[in-house]
Amino acid sequence: MLGIGAHANVRAGDFSYDVVAFETEMESLNQLEQDINMHGFSLTEIQATEKWSTELAGLGLYQASFGIDDMDWGSFAWGFCCFPVGFFVVAINGNKSSDQKLSFWIGTGVSTVFTAISILAAPSGFIVATP
């Protein structure tokens, strides 16, 4: 049996990092930790405060949930009724917001589920019998 191997040349310098830059990036998280320890906040209370919810969202640690109030019904309709055209009108359009794009994909998903249910529920599927 023939074995094939690879050799990696790793140096200690490959894993070095700038301590000052790291501390600068972590400063807001350190401040959050200090506030939690001082005041005994829960995560729910932290997310409810505007200052920390935007800070956490900026760090990618917290994202506001998408609710029914955020739904863009026009984009939903493009996904639900006419996926191929809606893909160009909404999904890959750089002028559309993330809520509009998410609404489009939700509409597409709902349409797909409804189509699958109707195909499975039909006694003979979509086959048309001719006499």
N, C-alpha and C. Protein backbone atom coordinates (compact mmCIF):
# COMPACT_ATOMS: atom_id res chain seq x y z
N MET A 1 0.85 -1.16 0.00
CA MET A 1 0.00 0.00 0.00
C MET A 1 0.90 1.23 0.00
N LEU A 2 0.55 2.20 -0.80
CA LEU A 2 1.34 3.40 -0.96
C LEU A 2 0.68 4.53 -0.19
N GLY A 3 1.43 5.18 0.66
CA GLY A 3 0.89 6.30 1.43
C GLY A 3 1.38 7.63 0.87
N ILE A 4 0.50 8.59 0.86
CA ILE A 4 0.86 9.93 0.40
C ILE A 4 0.75 10.86 1.59
N GLY A 5 1.76 11.63 1.84
CA GLY A 5 1.76 12.54 2.99
C GLY A 5 2.10 13.95 2.57
N ALA A 6 1.79 14.85 3.45
CA ALA A 6 2.10 16.26 3.20
C ALA A 6 2.89 16.77 4.39
N HIS A 7 3.77 17.68 4.11
CA HIS A 7 4.61 18.24 5.16
C HIS A 7 4.37 19.74 5.20
N ALA A 8 4.04 20.25 6.38
CA ALA A 8 3.81 21.68 6.53
C ALA A 8 4.99 22.29 7.29
N ASN A 9 5.47 23.38 6.80
CA ASN A 9 6.57 24.08 7.45
C ASN A 9 5.96 25.19 8.30
N VAL A 10 5.83 24.97 9.60
CA VAL A 10 5.18 25.90 10.50
C VAL A 10 6.24 26.55 11.39
N ARG A 11 6.12 27.87 11.50
CA ARG A 11 7.04 28.63 12.35
C ARG A 11 6.25 29.28 13.48
N ALA A 12 6.91 29.61 14.55
CA ALA A 12 6.26 30.25 15.69
C ALA A 12 5.67 31.59 15.30
N GLY A 13 6.27 32.30 14.39
CA GLY A 13 5.80 33.61 13.96
C GLY A 13 4.48 33.56 13.20
N ASP A 14 4.10 32.38 12.71
CA ASP A 14 2.85 32.24 11.98
C ASP A 14 1.64 32.45 12.87
N PHE A 15 1.81 32.29 14.16
CA PHE A 15 0.70 32.37 15.10
C PHE A 15 0.80 33.57 16.03
N SER A 16 1.54 34.56 15.65
CA SER A 16 1.65 35.74 16.50
C SER A 16 0.51 36.71 16.18
N TYR A 17 0.20 37.57 17.15
CA TYR A 17 -0.84 38.57 16.95
C TYR A 17 -0.45 39.84 17.70
N ASP A 18 -1.07 40.91 17.31
CA ASP A 18 -0.81 42.21 17.92
C ASP A 18 -1.68 42.33 19.17
N VAL A 19 -1.06 42.35 20.33
CA VAL A 19 -1.78 42.38 21.60
C VAL A 19 -2.58 43.68 21.73
N VAL A 20 -2.01 44.80 21.33
CA VAL A 20 -2.68 46.10 21.45
C VAL A 20 -3.93 46.13 20.56
N ALA A 21 -3.82 45.64 19.33
CA ALA A 21 -4.98 45.61 18.43
C ALA A 21 -6.06 44.68 18.97
N PHE A 22 -5.66 43.56 19.56
CA PHE A 22 -6.61 42.63 20.13
C PHE A 22 -7.35 43.27 21.30
N GLU A 23 -6.64 43.94 22.17
CA GLU A 23 -7.26 44.60 23.32
C GLU A 23 -8.20 45.71 22.87
N THR A 24 -7.85 46.42 21.82
CA THR A 24 -8.70 47.48 21.29
C THR A 24 -10.01 46.90 20.78
N GLU A 25 -9.92 45.78 20.07
CA GLU A 25 -11.12 45.12 19.54
C GLU A 25 -12.00 44.57 20.65
N MET A 26 -11.39 44.13 21.73
CA MET A 26 -12.13 43.51 22.83
C MET A 26 -12.62 44.51 23.88
N GLU A 27 -12.30 45.79 23.70
CA GLU A 27 -12.63 46.81 24.70
C GLU A 27 -14.14 46.89 24.98
N SER A 28 -14.95 46.86 23.95
CA SER A 28 -16.40 46.97 24.17
C SER A 28 -16.94 45.74 24.89
N LEU A 29 -16.40 44.56 24.60
CA LEU A 29 -16.84 43.36 25.32
C LEU A 29 -16.39 43.39 26.78
N ASN A 30 -15.20 43.92 27.01
CA ASN A 30 -14.73 44.07 28.40
C ASN A 30 -15.63 45.03 29.18
N GLN A 31 -16.06 46.11 28.53
CA GLN A 31 -16.96 47.07 29.17
C GLN A 31 -18.31 46.43 29.48
N LEU A 32 -18.81 45.63 28.55
CA LEU A 32 -20.06 44.91 28.76
C LEU A 32 -19.94 43.95 29.95
N GLU A 33 -18.84 43.24 30.01
CA GLU A 33 -18.62 42.31 31.12
C GLU A 33 -18.57 43.05 32.46
N GLN A 34 -17.92 44.20 32.49
CA GLN A 34 -17.85 44.99 33.72
C GLN A 34 -19.24 45.47 34.13
N ASP A 35 -20.04 45.93 33.17
CA ASP A 35 -21.39 46.39 33.48
C ASP A 35 -22.25 45.25 34.02
N ILE A 36 -22.12 44.08 33.44
CA ILE A 36 -22.89 42.93 33.91
C ILE A 36 -22.48 42.58 35.33
N ASN A 37 -21.18 42.55 35.59
CA ASN A 37 -20.70 42.19 36.92
C ASN A 37 -21.08 43.23 37.97
N MET A 38 -21.07 44.50 37.60
CA MET A 38 -21.39 45.56 38.56
C MET A 38 -22.88 45.61 38.89
N HIS A 39 -23.72 45.44 37.89
CA HIS A 39 -25.15 45.67 38.06
C HIS A 39 -25.98 44.39 38.08
N GLY A 40 -25.39 43.25 37.78
CA GLY A 40 -26.12 42.00 37.81
C GLY A 40 -27.20 41.90 36.75
N PHE A 41 -26.98 42.46 35.55
CA PHE A 41 -27.95 42.38 34.47
C PHE A 41 -28.08 40.95 33.97
N SER A 42 -29.24 40.65 33.43
CA SER A 42 -29.40 39.40 32.69
C SER A 42 -29.21 39.72 31.21
N LEU A 43 -29.01 38.69 30.41
CA LEU A 43 -28.80 38.90 28.98
C LEU A 43 -30.03 39.54 28.34
N THR A 44 -31.22 39.18 28.80
CA THR A 44 -32.45 39.77 28.27
C THR A 44 -32.50 41.26 28.54
N GLU A 45 -32.10 41.67 29.73
CA GLU A 45 -32.09 43.10 30.07
C GLU A 45 -31.04 43.84 29.26
N ILE A 46 -29.90 43.20 29.02
CA ILE A 46 -28.83 43.83 28.22
C ILE A 46 -29.32 44.05 26.79
N GLN A 47 -30.00 43.05 26.21
CA GLN A 47 -30.48 43.17 24.84
C GLN A 47 -31.57 44.23 24.73
N ALA A 48 -32.29 44.47 25.81
CA ALA A 48 -33.37 45.45 25.79
C ALA A 48 -32.84 46.88 25.79
N THR A 49 -31.63 47.10 26.29
CA THR A 49 -31.08 48.45 26.30
C THR A 49 -30.56 48.78 24.91
N GLU A 50 -30.86 49.96 24.45
CA GLU A 50 -30.51 50.34 23.08
C GLU A 50 -29.00 50.37 22.87
N LYS A 51 -28.27 50.86 23.86
CA LYS A 51 -26.80 50.98 23.72
C LYS A 51 -26.17 49.62 23.47
N TRP A 52 -26.50 48.63 24.30
CA TRP A 52 -25.84 47.35 24.19
C TRP A 52 -26.40 46.49 23.06
N SER A 53 -27.66 46.64 22.72
CA SER A 53 -28.19 45.83 21.62
C SER A 53 -27.54 46.24 20.30
N THR A 54 -27.31 47.54 20.09
CA THR A 54 -26.64 47.97 18.86
C THR A 54 -25.17 47.59 18.90
N GLU A 55 -24.56 47.65 20.07
CA GLU A 55 -23.15 47.26 20.20
C GLU A 55 -22.96 45.78 19.91
N LEU A 56 -23.83 44.95 20.47
CA LEU A 56 -23.76 43.52 20.25
C LEU A 56 -24.07 43.17 18.80
N ALA A 57 -25.02 43.87 18.19
CA ALA A 57 -25.34 43.64 16.79
C ALA A 57 -24.15 43.99 15.90
N GLY A 58 -23.45 45.08 16.26
CA GLY A 58 -22.27 45.49 15.50
C GLY A 58 -21.15 44.46 15.58
N LEU A 59 -21.07 43.78 16.70
CA LEU A 59 -20.05 42.74 16.87
C LEU A 59 -20.49 41.40 16.29
N GLY A 60 -21.73 41.31 15.87
CA GLY A 60 -22.25 40.06 15.33
C GLY A 60 -22.65 39.08 16.42
N LEU A 61 -22.75 39.54 17.68
CA LEU A 61 -23.09 38.64 18.78
C LEU A 61 -24.59 38.61 19.07
N TYR A 62 -25.31 39.58 18.58
CA TYR A 62 -26.74 39.65 18.83
C TYR A 62 -27.39 40.25 17.61
N GLN A 63 -28.45 39.65 17.17
CA GLN A 63 -29.18 40.20 16.05
C GLN A 63 -30.65 40.30 16.43
N ALA A 64 -31.21 41.44 16.10
CA ALA A 64 -32.63 41.62 16.39
C ALA A 64 -33.42 40.59 15.61
N SER A 65 -34.47 40.07 16.21
CA SER A 65 -35.26 39.05 15.54
C SER A 65 -36.14 39.67 14.46
N PHE A 66 -36.43 38.88 13.47
CA PHE A 66 -37.28 39.29 12.36
C PHE A 66 -38.71 38.93 12.73
N GLY A 67 -39.58 39.91 12.76
CA GLY A 67 -40.97 39.67 13.15
C GLY A 67 -41.93 39.98 12.02
N ILE A 68 -43.18 39.75 12.30
CA ILE A 68 -44.23 39.98 11.31
C ILE A 68 -44.30 41.46 10.92
N ASP A 69 -43.93 42.34 11.85
CA ASP A 69 -43.94 43.78 11.54
C ASP A 69 -42.84 44.15 10.56
N ASP A 70 -41.79 43.32 10.47
CA ASP A 70 -40.67 43.60 9.56
C ASP A 70 -40.91 43.04 8.16
N MET A 71 -41.96 42.26 8.00
CA MET A 71 -42.23 41.61 6.71
C MET A 71 -42.59 42.66 5.66
N ASP A 72 -41.92 42.56 4.51
CA ASP A 72 -42.26 43.38 3.35
C ASP A 72 -43.15 42.52 2.45
N TRP A 73 -44.43 42.83 2.44
CA TRP A 73 -45.40 41.97 1.77
C TRP A 73 -45.25 41.96 0.26
N GLY A 74 -44.74 43.03 -0.32
CA GLY A 74 -44.49 43.02 -1.76
C GLY A 74 -43.41 42.02 -2.13
N SER A 75 -42.34 42.01 -1.36
CA SER A 75 -41.25 41.05 -1.61
C SER A 75 -41.72 39.63 -1.33
N PHE A 76 -42.53 39.46 -0.28
CA PHE A 76 -43.11 38.15 0.02
C PHE A 76 -43.91 37.65 -1.18
N ALA A 77 -44.72 38.55 -1.77
CA ALA A 77 -45.55 38.17 -2.92
C ALA A 77 -44.69 37.77 -4.12
N TRP A 78 -43.56 38.46 -4.33
CA TRP A 78 -42.67 38.08 -5.42
C TRP A 78 -42.15 36.66 -5.21
N GLY A 79 -41.81 36.31 -3.98
CA GLY A 79 -41.34 34.96 -3.71
C GLY A 79 -42.44 33.93 -3.77
N PHE A 80 -43.61 34.29 -3.29
CA PHE A 80 -44.73 33.35 -3.23
C PHE A 80 -45.33 33.09 -4.60
N CYS A 81 -45.53 34.14 -5.37
CA CYS A 81 -46.26 34.02 -6.64
C CYS A 81 -45.37 33.81 -7.85
N CYS A 82 -44.22 34.45 -7.86
CA CYS A 82 -43.42 34.44 -9.09
C CYS A 82 -41.93 34.41 -8.75
N PHE A 83 -41.46 33.25 -8.30
CA PHE A 83 -40.07 33.12 -7.87
C PHE A 83 -39.05 33.53 -8.93
N PRO A 84 -39.14 33.04 -10.17
CA PRO A 84 -38.07 33.36 -11.14
C PRO A 84 -37.88 34.87 -11.38
N VAL A 85 -38.98 35.58 -11.53
CA VAL A 85 -38.87 37.03 -11.76
C VAL A 85 -38.48 37.72 -10.46
N GLY A 86 -39.06 37.28 -9.35
CA GLY A 86 -38.76 37.87 -8.05
C GLY A 86 -37.32 37.72 -7.66
N PHE A 87 -36.68 36.64 -8.11
CA PHE A 87 -35.26 36.46 -7.82
C PHE A 87 -34.44 37.63 -8.35
N PHE A 88 -34.77 38.10 -9.56
CA PHE A 88 -34.05 39.22 -10.13
C PHE A 88 -34.52 40.56 -9.57
N VAL A 89 -35.81 40.66 -9.27
CA VAL A 89 -36.38 41.91 -8.78
C VAL A 89 -35.97 42.18 -7.33
N VAL A 90 -35.90 41.14 -6.51
CA VAL A 90 -35.67 41.33 -5.07
C VAL A 90 -34.34 40.72 -4.61
N ALA A 91 -34.14 39.42 -4.83
CA ALA A 91 -33.05 38.69 -4.20
C ALA A 91 -31.66 39.20 -4.57
N ILE A 92 -31.41 39.50 -5.83
CA ILE A 92 -30.08 39.94 -6.21
C ILE A 92 -30.00 41.44 -6.47
N ASN A 93 -31.05 42.15 -6.12
CA ASN A 93 -31.08 43.60 -6.29
C ASN A 93 -30.33 44.25 -5.13
N GLY A 94 -29.30 44.99 -5.42
CA GLY A 94 -28.50 45.64 -4.40
C GLY A 94 -29.21 46.77 -3.68
N ASN A 95 -30.32 47.26 -4.23
CA ASN A 95 -31.06 48.36 -3.60
C ASN A 95 -32.08 47.87 -2.58
N LYS A 96 -32.26 46.57 -2.45
CA LYS A 96 -33.25 46.03 -1.51
C LYS A 96 -32.59 45.80 -0.15
N SER A 97 -33.39 46.01 0.91
CA SER A 97 -32.88 45.81 2.27
C SER A 97 -32.85 44.33 2.61
N SER A 98 -32.18 44.00 3.71
CA SER A 98 -32.12 42.60 4.12
C SER A 98 -33.50 42.10 4.54
N ASP A 99 -34.35 42.97 5.09
CA ASP A 99 -35.71 42.56 5.45
C ASP A 99 -36.52 42.22 4.20
N GLN A 100 -36.33 43.00 3.13
CA GLN A 100 -37.04 42.71 1.88
C GLN A 100 -36.57 41.39 1.28
N LYS A 101 -35.26 41.14 1.34
CA LYS A 101 -34.74 39.89 0.80
C LYS A 101 -35.19 38.70 1.63
N LEU A 102 -35.19 38.85 2.95
CA LEU A 102 -35.66 37.77 3.81
C LEU A 102 -37.15 37.51 3.58
N SER A 103 -37.93 38.56 3.37
CA SER A 103 -39.35 38.40 3.07
C SER A 103 -39.55 37.63 1.77
N PHE A 104 -38.71 37.91 0.78
CA PHE A 104 -38.77 37.19 -0.49
C PHE A 104 -38.52 35.70 -0.27
N TRP A 105 -37.48 35.36 0.49
CA TRP A 105 -37.14 33.96 0.72
C TRP A 105 -38.20 33.25 1.57
N ILE A 106 -38.81 33.97 2.49
CA ILE A 106 -39.91 33.38 3.26
C ILE A 106 -41.08 33.08 2.33
N GLY A 107 -41.40 34.00 1.44
CA GLY A 107 -42.47 33.78 0.46
C GLY A 107 -42.17 32.59 -0.43
N THR A 108 -40.92 32.44 -0.84
CA THR A 108 -40.52 31.30 -1.67
C THR A 108 -40.68 30.00 -0.90
N GLY A 109 -40.27 30.01 0.37
CA GLY A 109 -40.39 28.81 1.19
C GLY A 109 -41.84 28.42 1.42
N VAL A 110 -42.70 29.39 1.71
CA VAL A 110 -44.12 29.11 1.92
C VAL A 110 -44.74 28.55 0.65
N SER A 111 -44.39 29.12 -0.48
CA SER A 111 -44.91 28.61 -1.75
C SER A 111 -44.46 27.18 -2.00
N THR A 112 -43.20 26.88 -1.70
CA THR A 112 -42.68 25.53 -1.89
C THR A 112 -43.41 24.53 -0.99
N VAL A 113 -43.63 24.91 0.26
CA VAL A 113 -44.34 24.03 1.19
C VAL A 113 -45.77 23.79 0.72
N PHE A 114 -46.47 24.84 0.31
CA PHE A 114 -47.84 24.69 -0.17
C PHE A 114 -47.90 23.82 -1.43
N THR A 115 -46.94 23.98 -2.32
CA THR A 115 -46.90 23.17 -3.54
C THR A 115 -46.66 21.71 -3.20
N ALA A 116 -45.73 21.44 -2.27
CA ALA A 116 -45.46 20.06 -1.87
C ALA A 116 -46.68 19.42 -1.22
N ILE A 117 -47.38 20.16 -0.38
CA ILE A 117 -48.58 19.64 0.27
C ILE A 117 -49.66 19.34 -0.77
N SER A 118 -49.84 20.24 -1.73
CA SER A 118 -50.88 20.00 -2.74
C SER A 118 -50.54 18.82 -3.64
N ILE A 119 -49.28 18.60 -3.92
CA ILE A 119 -48.89 17.45 -4.75
C ILE A 119 -49.11 16.16 -3.99
N LEU A 120 -48.72 16.14 -2.71
CA LEU A 120 -48.88 14.94 -1.90
C LEU A 120 -50.34 14.64 -1.56
N ALA A 121 -51.14 15.69 -1.46
CA ALA A 121 -52.55 15.51 -1.09
C ALA A 121 -53.42 15.11 -2.27
N ALA A 122 -53.00 15.39 -3.47
CA ALA A 122 -53.79 15.04 -4.65
C ALA A 122 -53.81 13.53 -4.82
N PRO A 123 -54.96 12.93 -5.03
CA PRO A 123 -55.04 11.48 -5.13
C PRO A 123 -54.21 10.90 -6.29
N SER A 124 -54.18 11.60 -7.39
CA SER A 124 -53.41 11.08 -8.53
C SER A 124 -52.27 12.02 -8.91
N GLY A 125 -51.91 12.91 -8.03
CA GLY A 125 -50.86 13.86 -8.34
C GLY A 125 -51.34 14.86 -9.37
N PHE A 126 -50.46 15.31 -10.22
CA PHE A 126 -50.83 16.26 -11.25
C PHE A 126 -50.99 15.57 -12.61
N ILE A 127 -51.17 14.28 -12.57
CA ILE A 127 -51.35 13.54 -13.83
C ILE A 127 -52.79 13.70 -14.29
N VAL A 128 -52.94 14.11 -15.51
CA VAL A 128 -54.28 14.31 -16.07
C VAL A 128 -54.65 13.04 -16.87
N ALA A 129 -55.73 12.44 -16.45
CA ALA A 129 -56.19 11.23 -17.14
C ALA A 129 -57.04 11.60 -18.34
N THR A 130 -56.78 10.97 -19.43
CA THR A 130 -57.59 11.21 -20.62
C THR A 130 -58.42 9.97 -20.88
N PRO A 131 -59.68 10.16 -21.28
CA PRO A 131 -60.55 8.99 -21.53
C PRO A 131 -60.15 8.20 -22.75
